[in-house]
N, C-alpha and C. Protein backbone atom coordinates (compact mmCIF):
# COMPACT_ATOMS: atom_id res chain seq x y z
N VAL A 1 113.13 10.24 65.41
CA VAL A 1 111.80 9.63 65.46
C VAL A 1 111.82 8.40 64.57
N LEU A 2 111.37 7.29 65.10
CA LEU A 2 111.30 6.03 64.40
C LEU A 2 109.85 5.72 64.15
N GLU A 3 109.49 5.30 62.94
CA GLU A 3 108.11 4.96 62.63
C GLU A 3 107.98 3.45 62.54
N SER A 4 106.99 2.92 63.24
CA SER A 4 106.74 1.49 63.24
C SER A 4 105.24 1.27 63.22
N MET A 5 104.76 0.57 62.22
CA MET A 5 103.35 0.26 62.09
C MET A 5 102.49 1.51 62.25
N LYS A 6 102.87 2.56 61.57
CA LYS A 6 102.18 3.84 61.54
C LYS A 6 102.19 4.58 62.87
N MET A 7 103.06 4.16 63.78
CA MET A 7 103.21 4.88 65.05
C MET A 7 104.63 5.41 65.11
N GLU A 8 104.78 6.62 65.61
CA GLU A 8 106.09 7.21 65.74
C GLU A 8 106.61 7.02 67.16
N VAL A 9 107.88 6.65 67.26
CA VAL A 9 108.52 6.41 68.55
C VAL A 9 109.76 7.29 68.63
N LEU A 10 109.89 8.07 69.70
CA LEU A 10 111.07 8.89 69.89
C LEU A 10 112.21 8.03 70.38
N ILE A 11 113.39 8.25 69.81
CA ILE A 11 114.59 7.56 70.25
C ILE A 11 115.44 8.58 71.00
N HIS A 12 115.80 8.24 72.25
CA HIS A 12 116.59 9.14 73.07
C HIS A 12 118.02 8.63 73.17
N SER A 13 118.95 9.56 73.27
CA SER A 13 120.36 9.21 73.44
C SER A 13 120.94 10.04 74.56
N THR A 14 121.84 9.41 75.31
CA THR A 14 122.55 10.16 76.35
C THR A 14 123.79 10.84 75.79
N ALA A 15 124.10 10.57 74.53
CA ALA A 15 125.28 11.18 73.90
C ALA A 15 124.92 12.52 73.28
N THR A 16 125.87 13.44 73.35
CA THR A 16 125.70 14.72 72.66
C THR A 16 126.75 14.80 71.58
N GLY A 17 126.44 15.51 70.53
CA GLY A 17 127.40 15.67 69.46
C GLY A 17 126.72 15.75 68.12
N GLU A 18 127.48 15.42 67.10
CA GLU A 18 127.02 15.53 65.72
C GLU A 18 126.79 14.14 65.14
N VAL A 19 125.65 13.93 64.50
CA VAL A 19 125.38 12.65 63.84
C VAL A 19 126.26 12.60 62.59
N VAL A 20 127.15 11.60 62.53
CA VAL A 20 128.08 11.49 61.40
C VAL A 20 127.72 10.35 60.46
N ASP A 21 126.86 9.43 60.89
CA ASP A 21 126.48 8.32 60.02
C ASP A 21 125.15 7.75 60.49
N ILE A 22 124.27 7.48 59.55
CA ILE A 22 123.00 6.83 59.85
C ILE A 22 123.12 5.38 59.40
N LEU A 23 123.02 4.46 60.35
CA LEU A 23 123.26 3.05 60.07
C LEU A 23 121.99 2.28 59.74
N ALA A 24 120.84 2.81 60.08
CA ALA A 24 119.58 2.12 59.82
C ALA A 24 118.99 2.63 58.51
N SER A 25 118.33 1.74 57.80
CA SER A 25 117.68 2.10 56.53
C SER A 25 116.19 1.80 56.62
N VAL A 26 115.45 2.31 55.66
CA VAL A 26 114.02 2.03 55.58
C VAL A 26 113.82 0.52 55.49
N ASN A 27 112.84 0.01 56.23
CA ASN A 27 112.46 -1.40 56.29
C ASN A 27 113.44 -2.27 57.07
N ASP A 28 114.46 -1.70 57.70
CA ASP A 28 115.33 -2.48 58.57
C ASP A 28 114.55 -2.92 59.80
N VAL A 29 114.84 -4.10 60.28
CA VAL A 29 114.27 -4.58 61.53
C VAL A 29 115.25 -4.25 62.64
N LEU A 30 114.81 -3.45 63.60
CA LEU A 30 115.68 -3.03 64.68
C LEU A 30 115.27 -3.72 65.97
N THR A 31 116.27 -4.09 66.75
CA THR A 31 116.01 -4.68 68.06
C THR A 31 116.34 -3.66 69.13
N GLU A 32 116.16 -4.03 70.37
CA GLU A 32 116.33 -3.10 71.48
C GLU A 32 117.71 -2.46 71.50
N ASN A 33 118.75 -3.19 71.18
CA ASN A 33 120.11 -2.66 71.26
C ASN A 33 120.72 -2.35 69.89
N SER A 34 119.90 -2.17 68.89
CA SER A 34 120.41 -1.85 67.55
C SER A 34 121.07 -0.48 67.55
N VAL A 35 122.20 -0.38 66.86
CA VAL A 35 122.87 0.91 66.68
C VAL A 35 122.25 1.56 65.45
N VAL A 36 121.68 2.74 65.65
CA VAL A 36 120.95 3.41 64.58
C VAL A 36 121.79 4.51 63.94
N VAL A 37 122.55 5.25 64.75
CA VAL A 37 123.39 6.33 64.24
C VAL A 37 124.73 6.32 64.95
N LYS A 38 125.74 6.91 64.28
CA LYS A 38 127.03 7.17 64.92
C LYS A 38 127.09 8.64 65.25
N ILE A 39 127.52 8.94 66.46
CA ILE A 39 127.59 10.33 66.92
C ILE A 39 129.03 10.65 67.29
N ARG A 40 129.51 11.78 66.77
CA ARG A 40 130.84 12.26 67.13
C ARG A 40 130.66 13.39 68.15
N GLY A 41 131.25 13.23 69.32
CA GLY A 41 131.11 14.25 70.35
C GLY A 41 131.30 13.65 71.72
N GLU A 42 130.90 14.41 72.72
CA GLU A 42 131.05 13.97 74.10
C GLU A 42 129.93 13.03 74.50
N GLN A 43 130.25 12.10 75.37
CA GLN A 43 129.27 11.16 75.91
C GLN A 43 128.72 11.72 77.20
N GLU A 44 127.42 11.87 77.28
CA GLU A 44 126.79 12.32 78.52
C GLU A 44 126.51 11.11 79.39
N GLU A 45 126.79 11.22 80.63
CA GLU A 45 126.44 10.17 81.59
C GLU A 45 125.21 10.64 82.34
N ASN A 46 124.10 10.67 81.67
CA ASN A 46 122.87 11.18 82.28
C ASN A 46 121.82 10.09 82.20
N ASP A 47 121.75 9.26 83.23
CA ASP A 47 120.75 8.20 83.25
C ASP A 47 119.38 8.72 83.64
N ASP A 48 119.31 9.97 84.09
CA ASP A 48 118.04 10.53 84.52
C ASP A 48 117.36 11.33 83.42
N PHE A 49 117.69 11.04 82.14
CA PHE A 49 117.10 11.79 81.03
C PHE A 49 115.59 11.65 81.07
N GLN A 50 114.91 12.77 80.95
CA GLN A 50 113.45 12.75 80.89
C GLN A 50 113.03 13.66 79.75
N ASP A 51 112.17 13.14 78.89
CA ASP A 51 111.63 13.94 77.80
C ASP A 51 110.62 14.91 78.41
N PRO A 52 110.82 16.21 78.24
CA PRO A 52 109.91 17.17 78.87
C PRO A 52 108.51 17.13 78.28
N THR A 53 108.34 16.51 77.13
CA THR A 53 107.01 16.46 76.52
C THR A 53 106.19 15.29 77.02
N ILE A 54 106.77 14.40 77.82
CA ILE A 54 106.05 13.21 78.29
C ILE A 54 106.02 13.20 79.80
N ASN A 55 104.83 13.10 80.37
CA ASN A 55 104.67 12.92 81.81
C ASN A 55 104.47 11.44 82.08
N ALA A 56 104.85 10.98 83.26
CA ALA A 56 104.67 9.57 83.61
C ALA A 56 103.20 9.19 83.51
N SER A 57 102.29 10.10 83.86
CA SER A 57 100.87 9.78 83.80
C SER A 57 100.41 9.61 82.35
N ASP A 58 101.06 10.29 81.39
CA ASP A 58 100.68 10.17 79.99
C ASP A 58 100.85 8.75 79.48
N LEU A 59 101.81 8.01 80.01
CA LEU A 59 102.09 6.67 79.53
C LEU A 59 100.99 5.69 79.88
N ASN A 60 100.17 6.03 80.86
CA ASN A 60 99.08 5.16 81.28
C ASN A 60 97.75 5.53 80.62
N GLU A 61 97.73 6.59 79.85
CA GLU A 61 96.51 7.05 79.20
C GLU A 61 96.56 6.73 77.72
N LEU A 62 95.41 6.29 77.18
CA LEU A 62 95.32 6.05 75.75
C LEU A 62 95.17 7.37 75.01
N ARG A 63 95.88 7.48 73.90
CA ARG A 63 95.76 8.68 73.07
C ARG A 63 94.37 8.71 72.44
N PRO A 64 93.84 9.90 72.14
CA PRO A 64 92.50 10.00 71.54
C PRO A 64 92.37 9.23 70.22
N ASP A 65 93.41 9.22 69.38
CA ASP A 65 93.32 8.50 68.12
C ASP A 65 93.22 6.98 68.34
N LEU A 66 93.89 6.47 69.39
CA LEU A 66 93.81 5.05 69.68
C LEU A 66 92.46 4.68 70.30
N ILE A 67 91.88 5.58 71.08
CA ILE A 67 90.54 5.35 71.62
C ILE A 67 89.54 5.27 70.47
N SER A 68 89.67 6.17 69.51
CA SER A 68 88.79 6.16 68.34
C SER A 68 88.94 4.88 67.53
N LEU A 69 90.18 4.44 67.33
CA LEU A 69 90.44 3.20 66.59
C LEU A 69 89.82 2.01 67.32
N LYS A 70 90.02 1.95 68.63
CA LYS A 70 89.47 0.84 69.42
C LYS A 70 87.95 0.82 69.31
N SER A 71 87.33 1.98 69.35
CA SER A 71 85.87 2.08 69.24
C SER A 71 85.39 1.58 67.87
N ARG A 72 86.11 1.96 66.81
CA ARG A 72 85.72 1.52 65.46
C ARG A 72 85.90 0.01 65.31
N LYS A 73 86.98 -0.53 65.88
CA LYS A 73 87.21 -1.97 65.81
C LYS A 73 86.14 -2.75 66.58
N MET A 74 85.69 -2.22 67.70
CA MET A 74 84.65 -2.88 68.50
C MET A 74 83.34 -2.99 67.70
N LYS A 75 83.05 -1.98 66.88
CA LYS A 75 81.82 -2.01 66.08
C LYS A 75 81.83 -3.14 65.05
N LEU A 76 83.01 -3.67 64.72
CA LEU A 76 83.13 -4.72 63.72
C LEU A 76 82.96 -6.13 64.29
N LEU A 77 82.94 -6.25 65.61
CA LEU A 77 82.78 -7.57 66.22
C LEU A 77 81.36 -8.08 66.00
N ASP A 78 81.22 -9.39 65.83
CA ASP A 78 79.91 -9.98 65.54
C ASP A 78 78.86 -9.62 66.59
N GLU A 79 79.26 -9.61 67.86
CA GLU A 79 78.28 -9.31 68.91
C GLU A 79 77.77 -7.88 68.84
N ASN A 80 78.48 -7.02 68.14
CA ASN A 80 78.05 -5.62 67.98
C ASN A 80 77.40 -5.37 66.62
N ARG A 81 77.18 -6.42 65.85
CA ARG A 81 76.55 -6.31 64.52
C ARG A 81 75.42 -7.34 64.39
N PRO A 82 74.43 -7.29 65.27
CA PRO A 82 73.40 -8.33 65.25
C PRO A 82 72.62 -8.41 63.94
N LYS A 83 72.36 -7.29 63.29
CA LYS A 83 71.61 -7.32 62.02
C LYS A 83 72.40 -8.05 60.94
N ALA A 84 73.69 -7.77 60.84
CA ALA A 84 74.52 -8.42 59.83
C ALA A 84 74.62 -9.92 60.10
N VAL A 85 74.73 -10.30 61.36
CA VAL A 85 74.82 -11.71 61.71
C VAL A 85 73.49 -12.41 61.38
N GLU A 86 72.38 -11.74 61.68
CA GLU A 86 71.06 -12.33 61.36
C GLU A 86 70.88 -12.52 59.86
N ARG A 87 71.38 -11.58 59.05
CA ARG A 87 71.30 -11.75 57.58
C ARG A 87 72.06 -12.99 57.15
N ARG A 88 73.25 -13.21 57.73
CA ARG A 88 74.04 -14.41 57.40
C ARG A 88 73.27 -15.66 57.82
N ARG A 89 72.68 -15.62 59.00
CA ARG A 89 71.91 -16.77 59.48
C ARG A 89 70.71 -17.04 58.57
N GLY A 90 70.09 -15.96 58.10
CA GLY A 90 68.93 -16.10 57.20
C GLY A 90 69.30 -16.79 55.89
N ARG A 91 70.57 -16.69 55.48
CA ARG A 91 71.06 -17.35 54.26
C ARG A 91 71.73 -18.68 54.58
N ASN A 92 71.58 -19.13 55.84
CA ASN A 92 72.18 -20.39 56.28
C ASN A 92 73.71 -20.35 56.16
N GLN A 93 74.30 -19.19 56.52
CA GLN A 93 75.74 -19.00 56.45
C GLN A 93 76.28 -18.68 57.84
N ILE A 94 77.58 -18.84 57.99
CA ILE A 94 78.25 -18.45 59.22
C ILE A 94 79.06 -17.19 58.96
N THR A 95 79.47 -16.54 60.03
CA THR A 95 80.28 -15.32 59.87
C THR A 95 81.73 -15.72 59.61
N ALA A 96 82.51 -14.77 59.16
CA ALA A 96 83.93 -15.01 58.89
C ALA A 96 84.66 -15.45 60.16
N ARG A 97 84.35 -14.81 61.28
CA ARG A 97 84.99 -15.19 62.54
C ARG A 97 84.63 -16.62 62.95
N GLU A 98 83.39 -17.00 62.74
CA GLU A 98 82.99 -18.38 63.05
C GLU A 98 83.72 -19.37 62.14
N GLY A 99 83.93 -19.00 60.88
CA GLY A 99 84.67 -19.85 59.96
C GLY A 99 86.11 -20.03 60.41
N ILE A 100 86.72 -18.94 60.88
CA ILE A 100 88.09 -19.02 61.38
C ILE A 100 88.15 -19.91 62.61
N GLN A 101 87.16 -19.79 63.49
CA GLN A 101 87.13 -20.63 64.69
C GLN A 101 87.04 -22.11 64.33
N LEU A 102 86.30 -22.42 63.26
CA LEU A 102 86.18 -23.82 62.83
C LEU A 102 87.49 -24.33 62.23
N LEU A 103 88.25 -23.46 61.58
CA LEU A 103 89.50 -23.86 60.93
C LEU A 103 90.68 -23.95 61.87
N CYS A 104 90.68 -23.16 62.92
CA CYS A 104 91.85 -23.06 63.80
C CYS A 104 91.64 -23.82 65.10
N ASP A 105 92.75 -24.26 65.66
CA ASP A 105 92.69 -24.86 67.00
C ASP A 105 92.33 -23.77 68.00
N GLU A 106 91.73 -24.19 69.11
CA GLU A 106 91.33 -23.24 70.14
C GLU A 106 92.54 -22.46 70.65
N ASN A 107 92.40 -21.16 70.75
CA ASN A 107 93.43 -20.24 71.23
C ASN A 107 94.68 -20.18 70.35
N SER A 108 94.58 -20.64 69.10
CA SER A 108 95.75 -20.57 68.22
C SER A 108 95.68 -19.36 67.27
N PHE A 109 94.53 -18.68 67.22
CA PHE A 109 94.37 -17.52 66.34
C PHE A 109 93.99 -16.32 67.19
N ARG A 110 94.71 -15.23 66.98
CA ARG A 110 94.40 -13.98 67.67
C ARG A 110 94.22 -12.90 66.64
N GLU A 111 93.06 -12.28 66.63
CA GLU A 111 92.74 -11.24 65.65
C GLU A 111 93.43 -9.95 66.00
């Protein structure tokens, strides 16, 4: 299991055997073809490997924790906080997002 940005990702191998060396360390940046471990044993030629815990339909569905996170993030958008925006307007101020829009070129900043 590899952890990235607080999400865990399963790493699958077609090789069977014993892990004899771990080549990746904490905070290493790994790419798609990075070698993470050395395995001593037989090589399986099984391109049809399927994790029994994952269904193809599961990959198209958002996990409940991500749905909750998305919902909480939506509540922070200016259009969903009219009272807070009105308070800023009452003080003749702009919101943080409006300030960022003034500072950045159009489409150059993504939150």
